[in-house]
Amino acid sequence: MNFALPASLFVGTVTVSRSALEKDLVLFFALLIALLLGYGIGFCTAKLIFKRNIVESAIAALGVAFSAGPFYGPALLGGIYGADKGGVAISLISLVLNVVIVPLSTIIIKIELERKSGQHDSISKLIGSSVFQAIFKTPFVWAPLLGFVFVFIGLSMPTVVLSSLKLIGQATAGVAVFVAGMTIAANKFTVTGEVVTLTLLKNIALPLIFFGIALMLQMSQGTTMFNQGLLLAALPSGPMIVLLSTRYKQYQKEASSILALSTVGMLITVTALIMILHL
């Protein structure tokens, strides 16, 4: 996340032409809208149906909206399209997740905890702090952002630099899958109606939401951009929900369970999606 993935995402973005990158911006907005809708549905489900408090609902919502593109994306898209063909899509979902979705959860949790403790930091301060940490303290966010800047200003990188970063980035897929497996193994999980419901929202409802949003934004079905976005939306939840639940000592068992069950369920949902898309 701090070394191999940033190198992979930087190479994947900086080697794309400006016209192609501008064309791919519709994917960014489709992912942004879909993940925000998924977050809202997950939050309301946890809060209204399962009667969770606001902190627990925010973590549950993150479990629905956080699609593990930075973890499984390189292995999945690299295996289907080639090692260099999924970098832009993974970069875009990484930006959405870490600049919008994760800070949104953090802000909601901090506001609720401060309300209970009687502290009163301003909303603008909380938003600024969360976004700053999400961008400038997260290498796999600022690395592709830097790549986007280089593309738009027409700055090309020397071949030796790109080759070196590409070599470093090739470690991403294997290590990411290994780390995700270790995270699941380290956390006990249980299957409840709540966990199953939120997992179904993550693995099935979120890609369907993306499908509808993509059509509304007039993305052409069957194109590489459309299919990559759909596959990324269908990926399971990521370790971030476990990290957040552990940090705030709430919703830990449920977060681990959603992570584990959505990962196991990926074997069915992503496989079925690949067959449907004829990839």
C-alpha atoms as a PDB file:
ATOM      1  CA  MET A   1       0.000   0.000   0.000  1.00  0.00           C
ATOM      2  CA  ASN A   2       2.912   2.353   0.673  1.00  0.00           C
ATOM      3  CA  PHE A   3       5.494   1.096  -1.808  1.00  0.00           C
ATOM      4  CA  ALA A   4       4.539  -1.432  -4.483  1.00  0.00           C
ATOM      5  CA  LEU A   5       0.953  -0.302  -5.162  1.00  0.00           C
ATOM      6  CA  PRO A   6       1.815   3.426  -5.530  1.00  0.00           C
ATOM      7  CA  ALA A   7       4.520   2.520  -8.064  1.00  0.00           C
ATOM      8  CA  SER A   8       2.069   0.360 -10.010  1.00  0.00           C
ATOM      9  CA  LEU A   9      -0.659   3.022 -10.035  1.00  0.00           C
ATOM     10  CA  PHE A  10       1.761   5.788 -11.000  1.00  0.00           C
ATOM     11  CA  VAL A  11       3.012   3.835 -14.021  1.00  0.00           C
ATOM     12  CA  GLY A  12      -0.556   2.878 -14.943  1.00  0.00           C
ATOM     13  CA  THR A  13      -1.665   6.516 -15.057  1.00  0.00           C
ATOM     14  CA  VAL A  14       1.410   8.329 -16.365  1.00  0.00           C
ATOM     15  CA  THR A  15       1.653   6.060 -19.433  1.00  0.00           C
ATOM     16  CA  VAL A  16      -1.902   6.835 -20.577  1.00  0.00           C
ATOM     17  CA  SER A  17      -2.521   9.527 -23.172  1.00  0.00           C
ATOM     18  CA  ARG A  18      -4.280  12.724 -22.139  1.00  0.00           C
ATOM     19  CA  SER A  19      -7.228  12.082 -24.461  1.00  0.00           C
ATOM     20  CA  ALA A  20      -7.715   8.571 -23.066  1.00  0.00           C
ATOM     21  CA  LEU A  21      -7.513   9.867 -19.507  1.00  0.00           C
ATOM     22  CA  GLU A  22     -10.106  12.564 -20.186  1.00  0.00           C
ATOM     23  CA  LYS A  23     -12.360   9.892 -21.659  1.00  0.00           C
ATOM     24  CA  ASP A  24     -11.943   7.753 -18.528  1.00  0.00           C
ATOM     25  CA  LEU A  25     -13.165  10.558 -16.246  1.00  0.00           C
ATOM     26  CA  VAL A  26     -16.728   9.347 -16.771  1.00  0.00           C
ATOM     27  CA  LEU A  27     -15.662   6.167 -14.972  1.00  0.00           C
ATOM     28  CA  PHE A  28     -14.540   8.278 -12.026  1.00  0.00           C
ATOM     29  CA  PHE A  29     -17.963   9.910 -11.721  1.00  0.00           C
ATOM     30  CA  ALA A  30     -19.775   6.592 -12.168  1.00  0.00           C
ATOM     31  CA  LEU A  31     -17.719   5.036  -9.359  1.00  0.00           C
ATOM     32  CA  LEU A  32     -18.128   8.119  -7.175  1.00  0.00           C
ATOM     33  CA  ILE A  33     -21.928   8.180  -7.453  1.00  0.00           C
ATOM     34  CA  ALA A  34     -22.279   4.398  -7.117  1.00  0.00           C
ATOM     35  CA  LEU A  35     -20.090   4.161  -4.010  1.00  0.00           C
ATOM     36  CA  LEU A  36     -21.807   7.134  -2.357  1.00  0.00           C
ATOM     37  CA  LEU A  37     -25.202   5.553  -2.996  1.00  0.00           C
ATOM     38  CA  GLY A  38     -23.888   2.237  -1.649  1.00  0.00           C
ATOM     39  CA  TYR A  39     -22.622   4.034   1.438  1.00  0.00           C
ATOM     40  CA  GLY A  40     -25.983   5.685   2.039  1.00  0.00           C
ATOM     41  CA  ILE A  41     -27.875   2.403   1.613  1.00  0.00           C
ATOM     42  CA  GLY A  42     -25.479   0.590   3.950  1.00  0.00           C
ATOM     43  CA  PHE A  43     -25.759   3.321   6.594  1.00  0.00           C
ATOM     44  CA  CYS A  44     -29.563   3.377   6.509  1.00  0.00           C
ATOM     45  CA  THR A  45     -29.740  -0.424   6.598  1.00  0.00           C
ATOM     46  CA  ALA A  46     -27.536  -0.653   9.694  1.00  0.00           C
ATOM     47  CA  LYS A  47     -29.174   2.308  11.440  1.00  0.00           C
ATOM     48  CA  LEU A  48     -32.862   1.762  10.655  1.00  0.00           C
ATOM     49  CA  ILE A  49     -33.158  -2.003  10.230  1.00  0.00           C
ATOM     50  CA  PHE A  50     -30.526  -3.353  12.621  1.00  0.00           C
ATOM     51  CA  LYS A  51     -30.755  -0.434  15.101  1.00  0.00           C
ATOM     52  CA  ARG A  52     -27.019   0.306  15.210  1.00  0.00           C
ATOM     53  CA  ASN A  53     -25.632   3.554  16.598  1.00  0.00           C
ATOM     54  CA  ILE A  54     -24.093   6.146  14.285  1.00  0.00           C
ATOM     55  CA  VAL A  55     -20.495   4.963  14.707  1.00  0.00           C
ATOM     56  CA  GLU A  56     -21.431   1.342  14.016  1.00  0.00           C
ATOM     57  CA  SER A  57     -23.609   2.397  11.071  1.00  0.00           C
ATOM     58  CA  ALA A  58     -20.734   4.401   9.569  1.00  0.00           C
ATOM     59  CA  ILE A  59     -18.450   1.359   9.740  1.00  0.00           C
ATOM     60  CA  ALA A  60     -21.169  -0.887   8.312  1.00  0.00           C
ATOM     61  CA  ALA A  61     -21.712   1.588   5.470  1.00  0.00           C
ATOM     62  CA  LEU A  62     -17.990   1.548   4.750  1.00  0.00           C
ATOM     63  CA  GLY A  63     -18.202  -2.241   4.541  1.00  0.00           C
ATOM     64  CA  VAL A  64     -20.778  -1.881   1.764  1.00  0.00           C
ATOM     65  CA  ALA A  65     -19.123   0.979  -0.139  1.00  0.00           C
ATOM     66  CA  PHE A  66     -15.437   0.058   0.233  1.00  0.00           C
ATOM     67  CA  SER A  67     -14.607  -2.095  -2.779  1.00  0.00           C
ATOM     68  CA  ALA A  68     -11.173  -3.693  -2.502  1.00  0.00           C
ATOM     69  CA  GLY A  69      -9.885  -2.416  -5.834  1.00  0.00           C
ATOM     70  CA  PRO A  70      -6.425  -1.487  -4.467  1.00  0.00           C
ATOM     71  CA  PHE A  71      -6.061  -5.022  -3.059  1.00  0.00           C
ATOM     72  CA  TYR A  72      -7.554  -7.372  -5.646  1.00  0.00           C
ATOM     73  CA  GLY A  73      -7.745  -5.042  -8.646  1.00  0.00           C
ATOM     74  CA  PRO A  74      -4.154  -5.579  -9.875  1.00  0.00           C
ATOM     75  CA  ALA A  75      -4.559  -9.370  -9.754  1.00  0.00           C
ATOM     76  CA  LEU A  76      -8.044  -9.397 -11.313  1.00  0.00           C
ATOM     77  CA  LEU A  77      -7.681  -6.767 -14.029  1.00  0.00           C
ATOM     78  CA  GLY A  78      -4.052  -7.685 -14.686  1.00  0.00           C
ATOM     79  CA  GLY A  79      -5.025 -11.297 -15.264  1.00  0.00           C
ATOM     80  CA  ILE A  80      -7.826 -10.364 -17.674  1.00  0.00           C
ATOM     81  CA  TYR A  81      -6.484  -7.318 -19.514  1.00  0.00           C
ATOM     82  CA  GLY A  82      -2.731  -7.495 -18.951  1.00  0.00           C
ATOM     83  CA  ALA A  83      -0.479  -6.051 -16.261  1.00  0.00           C
ATOM     84  CA  ASP A  84      -0.523  -2.502 -17.687  1.00  0.00           C
ATOM     85  CA  LYS A  85      -4.189  -2.207 -18.640  1.00  0.00           C
ATOM     86  CA  GLY A  86      -5.969  -1.768 -15.322  1.00  0.00           C
ATOM     87  CA  GLY A  87      -3.895   0.967 -13.699  1.00  0.00           C
ATOM     88  CA  VAL A  88      -6.192   3.879 -14.556  1.00  0.00           C
ATOM     89  CA  ALA A  89      -9.368   2.165 -13.330  1.00  0.00           C
ATOM     90  CA  ILE A  90      -7.668   1.080 -10.089  1.00  0.00           C
ATOM     91  CA  SER A  91      -6.287   4.595  -9.623  1.00  0.00           C
ATOM     92  CA  LEU A  92      -9.754   6.089 -10.050  1.00  0.00           C
ATOM     93  CA  ILE A  93     -11.439   3.816  -7.520  1.00  0.00           C
ATOM     94  CA  SER A  94      -8.524   4.383  -5.123  1.00  0.00           C
ATOM     95  CA  LEU A  95      -9.134   8.135  -5.362  1.00  0.00           C
ATOM     96  CA  VAL A  96     -12.863   7.752  -4.752  1.00  0.00           C
ATOM     97  CA  LEU A  97     -12.333   5.458  -1.781  1.00  0.00           C
ATOM     98  CA  ASN A  98      -9.574   7.369  -0.054  1.00  0.00           C
ATOM     99  CA  VAL A  99     -10.511  10.959  -0.876  1.00  0.00           C
ATOM    100  CA  VAL A 100     -14.280  10.616  -0.425  1.00  0.00           C
ATOM    101  CA  ILE A 101     -15.554   7.370   1.140  1.00  0.00           C
ATOM    102  CA  VAL A 102     -13.022   6.790   3.938  1.00  0.00           C
ATOM    103  CA  PRO A 103     -12.895  10.485   4.993  1.00  0.00           C
ATOM    104  CA  LEU A 104     -16.710  10.521   4.978  1.00  0.00           C
ATOM    105  CA  SER A 105     -16.783   7.629   7.459  1.00  0.00           C
ATOM    106  CA  THR A 106     -14.061   9.202   9.585  1.00  0.00           C
ATOM    107  CA  ILE A 107     -15.854  12.560   9.717  1.00  0.00           C
ATOM    108  CA  ILE A 108     -19.189  10.986  10.700  1.00  0.00           C
ATOM    109  CA  ILE A 109     -17.518   8.936  13.437  1.00  0.00           C
ATOM    110  CA  LYS A 110     -15.515  11.881  14.799  1.00  0.00           C
ATOM    111  CA  ILE A 111     -18.553  14.178  14.849  1.00  0.00           C
ATOM    112  CA  GLU A 112     -20.560  11.590  16.774  1.00  0.00           C
ATOM    113  CA  LEU A 113     -17.771  10.878  19.267  1.00  0.00           C
ATOM    114  CA  GLU A 114     -17.189  14.601  19.833  1.00  0.00           C
ATOM    115  CA  ARG A 115     -20.912  15.138  20.311  1.00  0.00           C
ATOM    116  CA  LYS A 116     -20.932  12.489  23.026  1.00  0.00           C
ATOM    117  CA  SER A 117     -17.787  13.822  24.686  1.00  0.00           C
ATOM    118  CA  GLY A 118     -18.916  17.451  24.554  1.00  0.00           C
ATOM    119  CA  GLN A 119     -16.080  18.598  22.254  1.00  0.00           C
ATOM    120  CA  HIS A 120     -16.948  20.846  19.329  1.00  0.00           C
ATOM    121  CA  ASP A 121     -14.411  20.990  16.501  1.00  0.00           C
ATOM    122  CA  SER A 122     -15.808  22.734  13.447  1.00  0.00           C
ATOM    123  CA  ILE A 123     -17.070  20.645  10.534  1.00  0.00           C
ATOM    124  CA  SER A 124     -14.682  22.410   8.140  1.00  0.00           C
ATOM    125  CA  LYS A 125     -11.720  21.537  10.362  1.00  0.00           C
ATOM    126  CA  LEU A 126     -12.733  17.859  10.477  1.00  0.00           C
ATOM    127  CA  ILE A 127     -13.232  17.729   6.718  1.00  0.00           C
ATOM    128  CA  GLY A 128      -9.930  19.492   6.022  1.00  0.00           C
ATOM    129  CA  SER A 129      -7.995  17.228   8.375  1.00  0.00           C
ATOM    130  CA  SER A 130      -9.557  14.034   6.988  1.00  0.00           C
ATOM    131  CA  VAL A 131      -9.028  14.982   3.338  1.00  0.00           C
ATOM    132  CA  PHE A 132      -5.429  16.097   4.027  1.00  0.00           C
ATOM    133  CA  GLN A 133      -4.607  12.764   5.643  1.00  0.00           C
ATOM    134  CA  ALA A 134      -6.403  10.848   2.881  1.00  0.00           C
ATOM    135  CA  ILE A 135      -4.406  12.538   0.109  1.00  0.00           C
ATOM    136  CA  PHE A 136      -0.997  13.606   1.353  1.00  0.00           C
ATOM    137  CA  LYS A 137      -0.404  10.836   3.869  1.00  0.00           C
ATOM    138  CA  THR A 138      -1.554   8.020   1.576  1.00  0.00           C
ATOM    139  CA  PRO A 139       1.008   7.140  -1.124  1.00  0.00           C
ATOM    140  CA  PHE A 140      -1.405   5.121  -3.270  1.00  0.00           C
ATOM    141  CA  VAL A 141      -3.597   8.239  -3.521  1.00  0.00           C
ATOM    142  CA  TRP A 142      -1.043  10.954  -4.242  1.00  0.00           C
ATOM    143  CA  ALA A 143       1.033   8.734  -6.577  1.00  0.00           C
ATOM    144  CA  PRO A 144      -1.703   8.373  -9.245  1.00  0.00           C
ATOM    145  CA  LEU A 145      -2.698  12.008  -8.668  1.00  0.00           C
ATOM    146  CA  LEU A 146       0.874  12.953  -9.539  1.00  0.00           C
ATOM    147  CA  GLY A 147       0.615  10.749 -12.599  1.00  0.00           C
ATOM    148  CA  PHE A 148      -2.576  12.538 -13.674  1.00  0.00           C
ATOM    149  CA  VAL A 149      -0.826  15.899 -13.299  1.00  0.00           C
ATOM    150  CA  PHE A 150       2.119  14.745 -15.425  1.00  0.00           C
ATOM    151  CA  VAL A 151      -0.229  13.537 -18.165  1.00  0.00           C
ATOM    152  CA  PHE A 152      -2.244  16.762 -18.281  1.00  0.00           C
ATOM    153  CA  ILE A 153       0.834  19.012 -18.397  1.00  0.00           C
ATOM    154  CA  GLY A 154       2.480  16.786 -21.006  1.00  0.00           C
ATOM    155  CA  LEU A 155       5.490  15.745 -18.896  1.00  0.00           C
ATOM    156  CA  SER A 156       6.911  12.374 -19.936  1.00  0.00           C
ATOM    157  CA  MET A 157       8.979  10.145 -17.673  1.00  0.00           C
ATOM    158  CA  PRO A 158      12.314   8.558 -18.720  1.00  0.00           C
ATOM    159  CA  THR A 159      12.037   4.930 -19.782  1.00  0.00           C
ATOM    160  CA  VAL A 160      14.461   3.764 -17.101  1.00  0.00           C
ATOM    161  CA  VAL A 161      12.278   5.329 -14.377  1.00  0.00           C
ATOM    162  CA  LEU A 162       9.105   3.767 -15.728  1.00  0.00           C
ATOM    163  CA  SER A 163      10.776   0.372 -16.086  1.00  0.00           C
ATOM    164  CA  SER A 164      12.069   0.512 -12.514  1.00  0.00           C
ATOM    165  CA  LEU A 165       8.698   1.522 -11.080  1.00  0.00           C
ATOM    166  CA  LYS A 166       6.937  -1.101 -13.177  1.00  0.00           C
ATOM    167  CA  LEU A 167       9.237  -3.788 -11.776  1.00  0.00           C
ATOM    168  CA  ILE A 168       8.488  -2.641  -8.208  1.00  0.00           C
ATOM    169  CA  GLY A 169       4.778  -2.540  -8.948  1.00  0.00           C
ATOM    170  CA  GLN A 170       4.719  -6.145 -10.152  1.00  0.00           C
ATOM    171  CA  ALA A 171       4.869  -7.246  -6.510  1.00  0.00           C
ATOM    172  CA  THR A 172       1.486  -5.649  -5.853  1.00  0.00           C
ATOM    173  CA  ALA A 173      -0.948  -8.390  -6.886  1.00  0.00           C
ATOM    174  CA  GLY A 174       0.622 -11.308  -5.038  1.00  0.00           C
ATOM    175  CA  VAL A 175       1.386  -9.379  -1.864  1.00  0.00           C
ATOM    176  CA  ALA A 176      -2.058  -7.762  -1.796  1.00  0.00           C
ATOM    177  CA  VAL A 177      -3.877 -11.094  -1.997  1.00  0.00           C
ATOM    178  CA  PHE A 178      -1.568 -12.541   0.678  1.00  0.00           C
ATOM    179  CA  VAL A 179      -2.176  -9.592   3.038  1.00  0.00           C
ATOM    180  CA  ALA A 180      -5.931  -9.784   2.508  1.00  0.00           C
ATOM    181  CA  GLY A 181      -5.844 -13.494   3.379  1.00  0.00           C
ATOM    182  CA  MET A 182      -3.805 -12.806   6.517  1.00  0.00           C
ATOM    183  CA  THR A 183      -6.292 -10.130   7.584  1.00  0.00           C
ATOM    184  CA  ILE A 184      -9.199 -12.561   7.285  1.00  0.00           C
ATOM    185  CA  ALA A 185      -7.279 -15.313   9.100  1.00  0.00           C
ATOM    186  CA  ALA A 186      -6.448 -12.984  11.997  1.00  0.00           C
ATOM    187  CA  ASN A 187     -10.072 -12.064  12.726  1.00  0.00           C
ATOM    188  CA  LYS A 188     -12.790 -14.412  13.913  1.00  0.00           C
ATOM    189  CA  PHE A 189     -16.101 -14.123  12.156  1.00  0.00           C
ATOM    190  CA  THR A 190     -19.681 -15.237  12.590  1.00  0.00           C
ATOM    191  CA  VAL A 191     -22.600 -15.392  10.165  1.00  0.00           C
ATOM    192  CA  THR A 192     -25.689 -13.411  11.211  1.00  0.00           C
ATOM    193  CA  GLY A 193     -28.616 -11.943   9.336  1.00  0.00           C
ATOM    194  CA  GLU A 194     -27.027  -8.509   9.531  1.00  0.00           C
ATOM    195  CA  VAL A 195     -23.691  -9.730   8.162  1.00  0.00           C
ATOM    196  CA  VAL A 196     -25.390 -11.616   5.317  1.00  0.00           C
ATOM    197  CA  THR A 197     -27.549  -8.611   4.416  1.00  0.00           C
ATOM    198  CA  LEU A 198     -24.624  -6.178   4.290  1.00  0.00           C
ATOM    199  CA  THR A 199     -22.519  -8.694   2.369  1.00  0.00           C
ATOM    200  CA  LEU A 200     -25.253  -9.071  -0.238  1.00  0.00           C
ATOM    201  CA  LEU A 201     -25.450  -5.294  -0.523  1.00  0.00           C
ATOM    202  CA  LYS A 202     -21.683  -5.196  -1.105  1.00  0.00           C
ATOM    203  CA  ASN A 203     -21.287  -8.127  -3.502  1.00  0.00           C
ATOM    204  CA  ILE A 204     -24.514  -7.872  -5.484  1.00  0.00           C
ATOM    205  CA  ALA A 205     -26.283  -4.547  -4.937  1.00  0.00           C
ATOM    206  CA  LEU A 206     -23.213  -2.303  -5.390  1.00  0.00           C
ATOM    207  CA  PRO A 207     -22.281  -3.639  -8.861  1.00  0.00           C
ATOM    208  CA  LEU A 208     -25.945  -3.359  -9.864  1.00  0.00           C
ATOM    209  CA  ILE A 209     -25.947   0.263  -8.691  1.00  0.00           C
ATOM    210  CA  PHE A 210     -22.796   0.918 -10.715  1.00  0.00           C
ATOM    211  CA  PHE A 211     -24.421  -0.736 -13.740  1.00  0.00           C
ATOM    212  CA  GLY A 212     -27.409   1.595 -13.514  1.00  0.00           C
ATOM    213  CA  ILE A 213     -25.308   4.720 -12.937  1.00  0.00           C
ATOM    214  CA  ALA A 214     -22.982   3.833 -15.818  1.00  0.00           C
ATOM    215  CA  LEU A 215     -25.955   3.525 -18.174  1.00  0.00           C
ATOM    216  CA  MET A 216     -27.334   6.850 -16.923  1.00  0.00           C
ATOM    217  CA  LEU A 217     -23.973   8.458 -17.715  1.00  0.00           C
ATOM    218  CA  GLN A 218     -24.164   6.873 -21.189  1.00  0.00           C
ATOM    219  CA  MET A 219     -21.164   4.600 -20.792  1.00  0.00           C
ATOM    220  CA  SER A 220     -21.212   1.985 -23.547  1.00  0.00           C
ATOM    221  CA  GLN A 221     -21.794  -1.568 -22.384  1.00  0.00           C
ATOM    222  CA  GLY A 222     -19.054  -4.023 -23.258  1.00  0.00           C
ATOM    223  CA  THR A 223     -16.257  -1.451 -23.396  1.00  0.00           C
ATOM    224  CA  THR A 224     -13.125  -2.015 -21.353  1.00  0.00           C
ATOM    225  CA  MET A 225     -13.890   1.001 -19.165  1.00  0.00           C
ATOM    226  CA  PHE A 226     -17.429  -0.205 -18.415  1.00  0.00           C
ATOM    227  CA  ASN A 227     -16.376  -3.773 -17.653  1.00  0.00           C
ATOM    228  CA  GLN A 228     -13.446  -2.743 -15.463  1.00  0.00           C
ATOM    229  CA  GLY A 229     -15.663  -0.455 -13.398  1.00  0.00           C
ATOM    230  CA  LEU A 230     -18.238  -3.221 -12.972  1.00  0.00           C
ATOM    231  CA  LEU A 231     -15.589  -5.730 -11.896  1.00  0.00           C
ATOM    232  CA  LEU A 232     -14.073  -3.277  -9.397  1.00  0.00           C
ATOM    233  CA  ALA A 233     -17.519  -2.549  -7.916  1.00  0.00           C
ATOM    234  CA  ALA A 234     -18.114  -6.297  -7.520  1.00  0.00           C
ATOM    235  CA  LEU A 235     -14.947  -6.888  -5.494  1.00  0.00           C
ATOM    236  CA  PRO A 236     -15.388  -7.648  -1.772  1.00  0.00           C
ATOM    237  CA  SER A 237     -15.045  -5.229   1.089  1.00  0.00           C
ATOM    238  CA  GLY A 238     -11.525  -4.259   2.171  1.00  0.00           C
ATOM    239  CA  PRO A 239      -9.479  -4.469   5.387  1.00  0.00           C
ATOM    240  CA  MET A 240     -10.180  -0.785   6.042  1.00  0.00           C
ATOM    241  CA  ILE A 241     -13.430  -1.675   7.858  1.00  0.00           C
ATOM    242  CA  VAL A 242     -11.502  -3.943  10.244  1.00  0.00           C
ATOM    243  CA  LEU A 243      -8.894  -1.246  10.850  1.00  0.00           C
ATOM    244  CA  LEU A 244     -11.568   1.382  11.528  1.00  0.00           C
ATOM    245  CA  SER A 245     -13.622  -0.861  13.818  1.00  0.00           C
ATOM    246  CA  THR A 246     -10.492  -1.824  15.757  1.00  0.00           C
ATOM    247  CA  ARG A 247      -9.448   1.806  16.100  1.00  0.00           C
ATOM    248  CA  TYR A 248     -12.775   2.873  17.595  1.00  0.00           C
ATOM    249  CA  LYS A 249     -13.469  -0.427  19.444  1.00  0.00           C
ATOM    250  CA  GLN A 250     -16.901  -0.834  17.909  1.00  0.00           C
ATOM    251  CA  TYR A 251     -18.467  -3.254  15.403  1.00  0.00           C
ATOM    252  CA  GLN A 252     -15.308  -5.392  15.357  1.00  0.00           C
ATOM    253  CA  LYS A 253     -16.855  -8.859  15.056  1.00  0.00           C
ATOM    254  CA  GLU A 254     -19.334  -7.723  12.425  1.00  0.00           C
ATOM    255  CA  ALA A 255     -16.647  -5.893  10.400  1.00  0.00           C
ATOM    256  CA  SER A 256     -14.428  -8.982  10.347  1.00  0.00           C
ATOM    257  CA  SER A 257     -17.399 -11.115   9.350  1.00  0.00           C
ATOM    258  CA  ILE A 258     -18.404  -8.822   6.485  1.00  0.00           C
ATOM    259  CA  LEU A 259     -14.816  -8.818   5.226  1.00  0.00           C
ATOM    260  CA  ALA A 260     -14.550 -12.616   5.374  1.00  0.00           C
ATOM    261  CA  LEU A 261     -17.976 -13.421   3.941  1.00  0.00           C
ATOM    262  CA  SER A 262     -17.744 -10.889   1.112  1.00  0.00           C
ATOM    263  CA  THR A 263     -14.312 -12.274   0.191  1.00  0.00           C
ATOM    264  CA  VAL A 264     -15.617 -15.846   0.078  1.00  0.00           C
ATOM    265  CA  GLY A 265     -18.685 -14.674  -1.809  1.00  0.00           C
ATOM    266  CA  MET A 266     -16.426 -13.025  -4.395  1.00  0.00           C
ATOM    267  CA  LEU A 267     -15.569 -16.488  -5.687  1.00  0.00           C
ATOM    268  CA  ILE A 268     -19.173 -16.783  -6.839  1.00  0.00           C
ATOM    269  CA  THR A 269     -20.152 -13.240  -7.779  1.00  0.00           C
ATOM    270  CA  VAL A 270     -16.973 -12.164  -9.596  1.00  0.00           C
ATOM    271  CA  THR A 271     -16.693 -15.516 -11.388  1.00  0.00           C
ATOM    272  CA  ALA A 272     -20.310 -15.239 -12.518  1.00  0.00           C
ATOM    273  CA  LEU A 273     -19.727 -11.663 -13.674  1.00  0.00           C
ATOM    274  CA  ILE A 274     -16.665 -12.659 -15.695  1.00  0.00           C
ATOM    275  CA  MET A 275     -18.728 -15.370 -17.394  1.00  0.00           C
ATOM    276  CA  ILE A 276     -21.593 -12.944 -18.102  1.00  0.00           C
ATOM    277  CA  LEU A 277     -19.189 -10.395 -19.595  1.00  0.00           C
ATOM    278  CA  HIS A 278     -17.451 -13.151 -21.620  1.00  0.00           C
ATOM    279  CA  LEU A 279     -14.005 -12.051 -20.448  1.00  0.00           C
END
